[in-house]
């Protein structure tokens, strides 16, 4: 099976679509994002466009249900000449019966993570690279995108918590679905969308890591496993910034901020500099300075031992002031 682009569409594009030159390297990329994640989506997109080779162009599809028109316009402006951003508003009714969001994984709290099930509905080509928003691209994506997946449903990188998840689900291997190269032609042929939805409905009690569990269970015997540099998962380096993971991150095509701790919560977070390097090139740069300010000075109401306090932090110094009862 050939996973080439829709040549007819490229040679005779509809109004407003791309018409790449013969020497253009063209890629289909997909994200899922809500309004609350636009800041991180913009940092990810900026990293893609600033690290691409000159001849590379992109057709970016963004699946969402609530991104404002103002932010859609801004996101489109990031693409530059030769690339295109398409927004698709997703009807979550298609997924409501199959989506499981558990309290076990607090940072996965949106149905948008399940939009991956519907990729064949929204991306008409035969191949797409699906990316989470909480990642940064450090090198051109061309080699990753052109991984041969003609005989498999998808390609991905082993998840940081593979052992635990394999034991929990009875699987041999377990990938992280945040960087997923998908053979859409084979998904359509074998009706993978329905298989994902049906497995999710039938196995709700087994699901912890949302759609990632489902993707691994359904695609298990037909996944290609990629080198860790294609999806360097920051959770592997724990709280430190030294060791083997740092070398992987240095050489990585993609650094992925998996887990609950995110760089936008603390600028001293592991490898957060990659994230802020690109965020500072967007209209959300001010968020970095607000975070810095909050680390220098903050005032919070807190309860300790049943008593109410005002906690003041200045340059690492903490002062607790007990509130008097009225």
Protein backbone atom coordinates (compact mmCIF):
# COMPACT_ATOMS: atom_id res chain seq x y z
CA UNK A 1 0.00 0.00 0.00
CA UNK A 2 1.41 3.37 -0.96
CA UNK A 3 1.17 6.15 1.60
CA UNK A 4 1.62 9.03 -0.78
CA UNK A 5 -0.20 12.34 -0.82
CA UNK A 6 -3.36 12.91 -2.74
CA UNK A 7 -1.55 13.91 -5.95
CA UNK A 8 -4.70 15.01 -7.76
CA UNK A 9 -5.53 17.43 -4.95
CA UNK A 10 -2.01 18.86 -5.01
CA UNK A 11 -1.87 19.26 -8.79
CA UNK A 12 -5.33 20.83 -9.00
CA UNK A 13 -5.91 22.43 -5.62
CA UNK A 14 -9.23 23.85 -4.61
CA UNK A 15 -9.30 27.61 -3.96
CA UNK A 16 -7.37 28.41 -0.82
CA UNK A 17 -5.46 25.11 -0.70
CA UNK A 18 -1.76 24.55 -1.18
CA UNK A 19 0.01 23.98 -4.46
CA UNK A 20 3.53 22.84 -3.49
CA UNK A 21 6.34 22.96 -6.02
CA UNK A 22 7.83 19.69 -7.23
CA UNK A 23 10.77 19.95 -4.82
CA UNK A 24 8.57 20.66 -1.80
CA UNK A 25 8.52 18.25 1.13
CA UNK A 26 4.92 18.26 2.28
CA UNK A 27 3.56 16.95 5.60
CA UNK A 28 0.17 16.52 7.21
CA UNK A 29 0.24 17.36 10.93
CA UNK A 30 -2.67 17.20 13.37
CA UNK A 31 -3.24 18.64 16.87
CA UNK A 32 -6.22 18.61 19.21
CA UNK A 33 -6.61 21.69 21.41
CA UNK A 34 -9.13 23.72 23.34
CA UNK A 35 -9.01 27.44 24.10
CA UNK A 36 -7.24 26.78 27.41
CA UNK A 37 -4.32 25.10 25.60
CA UNK A 38 -3.83 27.64 22.80
CA UNK A 39 -0.72 29.08 24.49
CA UNK A 40 1.00 25.68 24.41
CA UNK A 41 -0.25 24.91 20.91
CA UNK A 42 1.33 28.15 19.69
CA UNK A 43 4.68 27.29 21.29
CA UNK A 44 4.59 23.85 19.63
CA UNK A 45 3.69 25.30 16.23
CA UNK A 46 6.37 27.97 16.49
CA UNK A 47 8.95 25.27 17.21
CA UNK A 48 7.85 23.34 14.11
CA UNK A 49 8.05 26.32 11.78
CA UNK A 50 11.36 27.63 13.13
CA UNK A 51 13.08 24.24 12.90
CA UNK A 52 11.88 23.11 9.49
CA UNK A 53 14.02 22.77 6.40
CA UNK A 54 13.43 25.52 3.79
CA UNK A 55 11.67 23.17 1.37
CA UNK A 56 9.26 21.75 3.95
CA UNK A 57 5.62 22.80 4.04
CA UNK A 58 2.75 21.71 6.25
CA UNK A 59 -0.95 21.14 6.16
CA UNK A 60 -1.84 21.61 9.85
CA UNK A 61 -5.23 20.35 11.05
CA UNK A 62 -6.37 21.52 14.49
CA UNK A 63 -9.28 19.65 16.06
CA UNK A 64 -11.17 21.65 18.65
CA UNK A 65 -14.58 22.80 19.82
CA UNK A 66 -13.96 26.16 21.50
CA UNK A 67 -10.94 28.05 20.11
CA UNK A 68 -11.95 31.69 19.66
CA UNK A 69 -11.95 33.31 16.22
CA UNK A 70 -9.31 35.77 17.44
CA UNK A 71 -6.96 32.95 18.41
CA UNK A 72 -7.69 31.01 15.22
CA UNK A 73 -6.57 34.02 13.22
CA UNK A 74 -3.41 34.38 15.29
CA UNK A 75 -2.57 30.66 15.05
CA UNK A 76 -2.98 30.80 11.25
CA UNK A 77 -0.57 33.73 11.11
CA UNK A 78 2.20 31.58 12.59
CA UNK A 79 2.31 29.28 9.58
CA UNK A 80 3.92 31.65 7.11
CA UNK A 81 4.08 31.24 3.34
CA UNK A 82 3.62 27.73 1.93
CA UNK A 83 1.84 26.15 4.88
CA UNK A 84 -1.81 26.12 5.85
CA UNK A 85 -3.73 25.78 9.12
CA UNK A 86 -7.22 24.23 9.08
CA UNK A 87 -9.57 24.33 12.06
CA UNK A 88 -12.23 21.68 12.55
CA UNK A 89 -14.88 22.00 15.24
CA UNK A 90 -15.47 18.52 16.62
CA UNK A 91 -18.91 17.29 17.60
CA UNK A 92 -18.22 15.45 20.86
CA UNK A 93 -21.55 13.64 20.57
CA UNK A 94 -19.70 11.14 18.38
CA UNK A 95 -17.50 10.25 21.33
CA UNK A 96 -19.60 10.77 24.45
CA UNK A 97 -20.37 7.06 24.93
CA UNK A 98 -16.76 5.94 24.49
CA UNK A 99 -14.82 8.59 26.43
CA UNK A 100 -13.50 7.78 29.88
CA UNK A 101 -11.79 10.51 31.92
CA UNK A 102 -10.58 9.17 35.28
CA UNK A 103 -9.52 10.99 38.44
CA UNK A 104 -6.40 8.78 38.46
CA UNK A 105 -4.75 11.01 35.85
CA UNK A 106 -5.57 14.57 36.85
CA UNK A 107 -3.87 16.36 33.94
CA UNK A 108 -6.04 14.51 31.38
CA UNK A 109 -9.34 16.26 31.94
CA UNK A 110 -10.69 16.97 28.47
CA UNK A 111 -12.49 14.89 25.86
CA UNK A 112 -10.18 16.45 23.25
CA UNK A 113 -7.67 13.68 23.90
CA UNK A 114 -10.17 11.27 22.28
CA UNK A 115 -10.31 13.26 19.04
CA UNK A 116 -7.55 10.95 17.78
CA UNK A 117 -10.25 8.31 17.25
CA UNK A 118 -11.77 10.50 14.52
CA UNK A 119 -8.63 11.23 12.47
CA UNK A 120 -9.97 9.48 9.37
CA UNK A 121 -13.02 11.76 9.42
CA UNK A 122 -11.01 14.97 9.29
CA UNK A 123 -7.71 14.26 7.50
CA UNK A 124 -8.40 13.08 3.96
CA UNK A 125 -4.85 12.09 3.03
CA UNK A 126 -3.41 8.64 3.74
CA UNK A 127 -0.92 9.63 6.40
CA UNK A 128 -0.76 12.10 9.29
CA UNK A 129 1.56 12.89 12.19
CA UNK A 130 -0.55 13.49 15.29
CA UNK A 131 1.12 15.62 18.00
CA UNK A 132 0.08 16.59 21.51
CA UNK A 133 0.28 20.29 22.37
CA UNK A 134 2.62 19.86 25.36
CA UNK A 135 5.73 19.28 23.30
CA UNK A 136 8.47 21.15 21.46
CA UNK A 137 9.95 20.19 18.09
CA UNK A 138 13.74 20.66 18.03
CA UNK A 139 14.62 19.36 14.55
CA UNK A 140 12.96 19.00 11.13
CA UNK A 141 10.15 16.46 11.14
CA UNK A 142 10.77 15.11 7.65
CA UNK A 143 12.66 11.93 8.58
CA UNK A 144 10.14 11.05 11.29
CA UNK A 145 7.22 11.75 8.96
CA UNK A 146 8.70 9.50 6.27
CA UNK A 147 9.09 6.47 8.48
CA UNK A 148 7.77 3.52 6.47
CA UNK A 149 4.44 2.49 7.99
CA UNK A 150 2.90 0.88 4.91
CA UNK A 151 2.27 -2.40 6.73
CA UNK A 152 1.26 -1.11 10.17
CA UNK A 153 -1.46 1.05 11.68
CA UNK A 154 0.85 3.53 13.39
CA UNK A 155 4.34 4.24 14.69
CA UNK A 156 5.20 5.58 18.13
CA UNK A 157 7.70 5.57 20.99
CA UNK A 158 7.59 3.30 24.03
CA UNK A 159 5.87 5.06 26.94
CA UNK A 160 7.81 6.00 30.08
CA UNK A 161 5.48 3.81 32.12
CA UNK A 162 5.33 0.90 29.71
CA UNK A 163 5.89 -1.87 32.27
CA UNK A 164 3.03 -0.85 34.59
CA UNK A 165 0.61 -0.26 31.72
CA UNK A 166 1.44 -3.56 30.00
CA UNK A 167 0.81 -5.44 33.25
CA UNK A 168 -2.45 -3.56 33.83
CA UNK A 169 -3.82 -4.17 30.32
CA UNK A 170 -2.19 -7.52 29.54
CA UNK A 171 -0.14 -6.13 26.63
CA UNK A 172 3.38 -6.87 25.41
CA UNK A 173 4.27 -3.28 24.55
CA UNK A 174 2.82 0.14 25.23
CA UNK A 175 3.53 3.38 23.36
CA UNK A 176 2.98 7.02 24.23
CA UNK A 177 0.25 8.29 21.89
CA UNK A 178 1.31 11.95 22.06
CA UNK A 179 3.52 11.51 18.98
CA UNK A 180 1.73 9.15 16.64
CA UNK A 181 2.47 8.61 12.95
CA UNK A 182 -0.78 7.19 11.57
CA UNK A 183 -1.49 5.12 8.47
CA UNK A 184 -4.93 6.56 7.72
CA UNK A 185 -5.34 4.44 4.59
CA UNK A 186 -5.10 1.27 6.66
CA UNK A 187 -7.30 2.77 9.40
CA UNK A 188 -10.01 3.33 6.82
CA UNK A 189 -9.58 -0.10 5.24
CA UNK A 190 -9.82 -1.93 8.58
CA UNK A 191 -12.37 0.41 10.17
CA UNK A 192 -10.07 1.29 13.07
CA UNK A 193 -12.22 4.25 14.20
CA UNK A 194 -15.11 1.96 15.10
CA UNK A 195 -12.78 -0.58 16.70
CA UNK A 196 -11.33 2.11 18.97
CA UNK A 197 -14.77 3.36 19.96
CA UNK A 198 -16.16 -0.15 20.52
CA UNK A 199 -13.18 -1.27 22.61
CA UNK A 200 -13.50 1.84 24.75
CA UNK A 201 -17.22 1.21 25.36
CA UNK A 202 -16.63 -2.47 26.21
CA UNK A 203 -13.63 -1.90 28.49
CA UNK A 204 -14.40 1.29 30.41
CA UNK A 205 -13.35 -0.31 33.68
CA UNK A 206 -9.82 -0.92 32.32
CA UNK A 207 -9.13 2.63 31.09
CA UNK A 208 -6.77 4.87 33.07
CA UNK A 209 -4.73 6.76 30.46
CA UNK A 210 -7.79 7.67 28.38
CA UNK A 211 -7.50 7.10 24.61
CA UNK A 212 -3.85 6.05 24.92
CA UNK A 213 -4.92 2.81 26.60
CA UNK A 214 -7.45 2.18 23.85
CA UNK A 215 -5.01 2.89 21.02
CA UNK A 216 -2.47 0.48 22.50
CA UNK A 217 -5.03 -2.27 23.07
CA UNK A 218 -6.56 -2.06 19.58
CA UNK A 219 -3.41 -1.46 17.53
CA UNK A 220 -1.11 -3.65 19.65
CA UNK A 221 -0.10 -6.21 17.04
CA UNK A 222 0.42 -3.69 14.27
CA UNK A 223 2.54 -0.83 15.69
CA UNK A 224 6.06 0.18 14.63
CA UNK A 225 8.27 1.27 17.53
CA UNK A 226 10.43 4.35 17.02
CA UNK A 227 13.63 5.57 18.66
CA UNK A 228 13.17 7.55 21.91
CA UNK A 229 14.51 10.70 20.26
CA UNK A 230 11.23 10.89 18.29
CA UNK A 231 9.33 11.45 21.54
CA UNK A 232 11.70 12.23 24.43
CA UNK A 233 9.36 12.08 27.41
CA UNK A 234 10.49 14.41 30.18
CA UNK A 235 8.99 12.19 32.91
CA UNK A 236 11.93 9.84 32.36
CA UNK A 237 14.37 12.26 33.98
CA UNK A 238 12.40 12.67 37.23
CA UNK A 239 13.23 15.81 39.15
CA UNK A 240 16.85 15.96 38.01
CA UNK A 241 18.26 17.35 34.80
CA UNK A 242 21.27 15.07 34.48
CA UNK A 243 21.85 11.55 33.30
CA UNK A 244 20.98 9.53 30.22
CA UNK A 245 17.74 11.38 29.48
CA UNK A 246 19.55 14.68 28.99
CA UNK A 247 21.52 13.11 26.15
CA UNK A 248 18.29 11.81 24.58
CA UNK A 249 16.70 15.26 24.89
CA UNK A 250 19.75 16.95 23.35
CA UNK A 251 19.52 14.73 20.27
CA UNK A 252 15.72 14.59 20.21
CA UNK A 253 13.48 15.58 17.35
CA UNK A 254 10.70 16.16 19.90
CA UNK A 255 10.78 16.85 23.64
CA UNK A 256 7.44 15.94 25.21
CA UNK A 257 6.33 17.29 28.62
CA UNK A 258 4.29 14.26 29.66
CA UNK A 259 2.86 13.93 33.15
CA UNK A 260 1.31 16.37 35.61
CA UNK A 261 4.30 18.73 35.97
CA UNK A 262 4.44 21.20 33.10
CA UNK A 263 6.99 23.91 32.25
CA UNK A 264 4.35 26.64 32.29
CA UNK A 265 3.76 25.88 35.97
CA UNK A 266 7.40 26.39 36.94
CA UNK A 267 10.13 27.83 34.73
CA UNK A 268 12.75 25.79 36.61
CA UNK A 269 11.01 22.60 35.55
CA UNK A 270 13.16 20.00 33.77
CA UNK A 271 14.09 21.21 30.30
CA UNK A 272 11.54 24.03 30.46
CA UNK A 273 13.96 26.25 28.53
CA UNK A 274 12.95 24.50 25.30
CA UNK A 275 9.33 25.47 25.89
CA UNK A 276 10.01 29.10 26.79
CA UNK A 277 12.45 29.56 23.91
CA UNK A 278 9.49 29.27 21.54
CA UNK A 279 6.75 30.70 23.74
CA UNK A 280 8.76 33.93 23.90
CA UNK A 281 8.38 34.19 20.13
CA UNK A 282 4.57 34.25 20.40
CA UNK A 283 2.02 36.72 21.72
CA UNK A 284 1.98 34.69 24.95
CA UNK A 285 5.51 35.75 25.91
CA UNK A 286 4.06 37.79 28.79
CA UNK A 287 3.09 34.51 30.53
CA UNK A 288 6.78 33.82 31.09
CA UNK A 289 7.30 37.15 32.82
CA UNK A 290 4.18 36.67 34.95
CA UNK A 291 5.53 33.30 36.07
CA UNK A 292 8.88 34.87 36.95
CA UNK A 293 7.11 37.57 38.92
CA UNK A 294 5.01 35.03 40.82
CA UNK A 295 8.21 33.23 41.86
CA UNK A 296 9.68 36.47 43.16
CA UNK A 297 6.60 37.66 45.02
CA UNK A 298 3.26 36.03 45.84
CA UNK A 299 0.44 36.28 48.40
CA UNK A 300 -1.91 33.37 49.06
CA UNK A 301 -4.65 32.46 51.49
CA UNK A 302 -3.89 29.07 53.03
CA UNK A 303 -5.28 26.79 55.72
CA UNK A 304 -2.88 24.89 57.99
CA UNK A 305 -4.05 22.83 60.93
CA UNK A 306 -7.53 24.22 60.57
CA UNK A 307 -6.26 27.80 60.91
CA UNK A 308 -6.36 30.43 58.18
CA UNK A 309 -3.16 32.21 57.16
CA UNK A 310 -1.96 34.71 54.60
CA UNK A 311 1.30 33.37 53.19
CA UNK A 312 3.69 35.91 51.68
CA UNK A 313 6.69 34.74 49.63
CA UNK A 314 9.44 37.16 48.64
CA UNK A 315 12.60 35.91 46.89
CA UNK A 316 12.26 32.49 48.48
CA UNK A 317 11.54 33.87 51.94
CA UNK A 318 8.16 32.75 53.32
CA UNK A 319 6.16 34.61 55.94
CA UNK A 320 2.91 33.28 57.41
CA UNK A 321 0.46 35.73 58.96
CA UNK A 322 -2.40 34.22 60.92
CA UNK A 323 -5.81 35.65 60.18
CA UNK A 324 -7.68 36.82 63.25
CA UNK A 325 -11.26 35.73 63.78
CA UNK A 326 -13.78 38.53 63.52
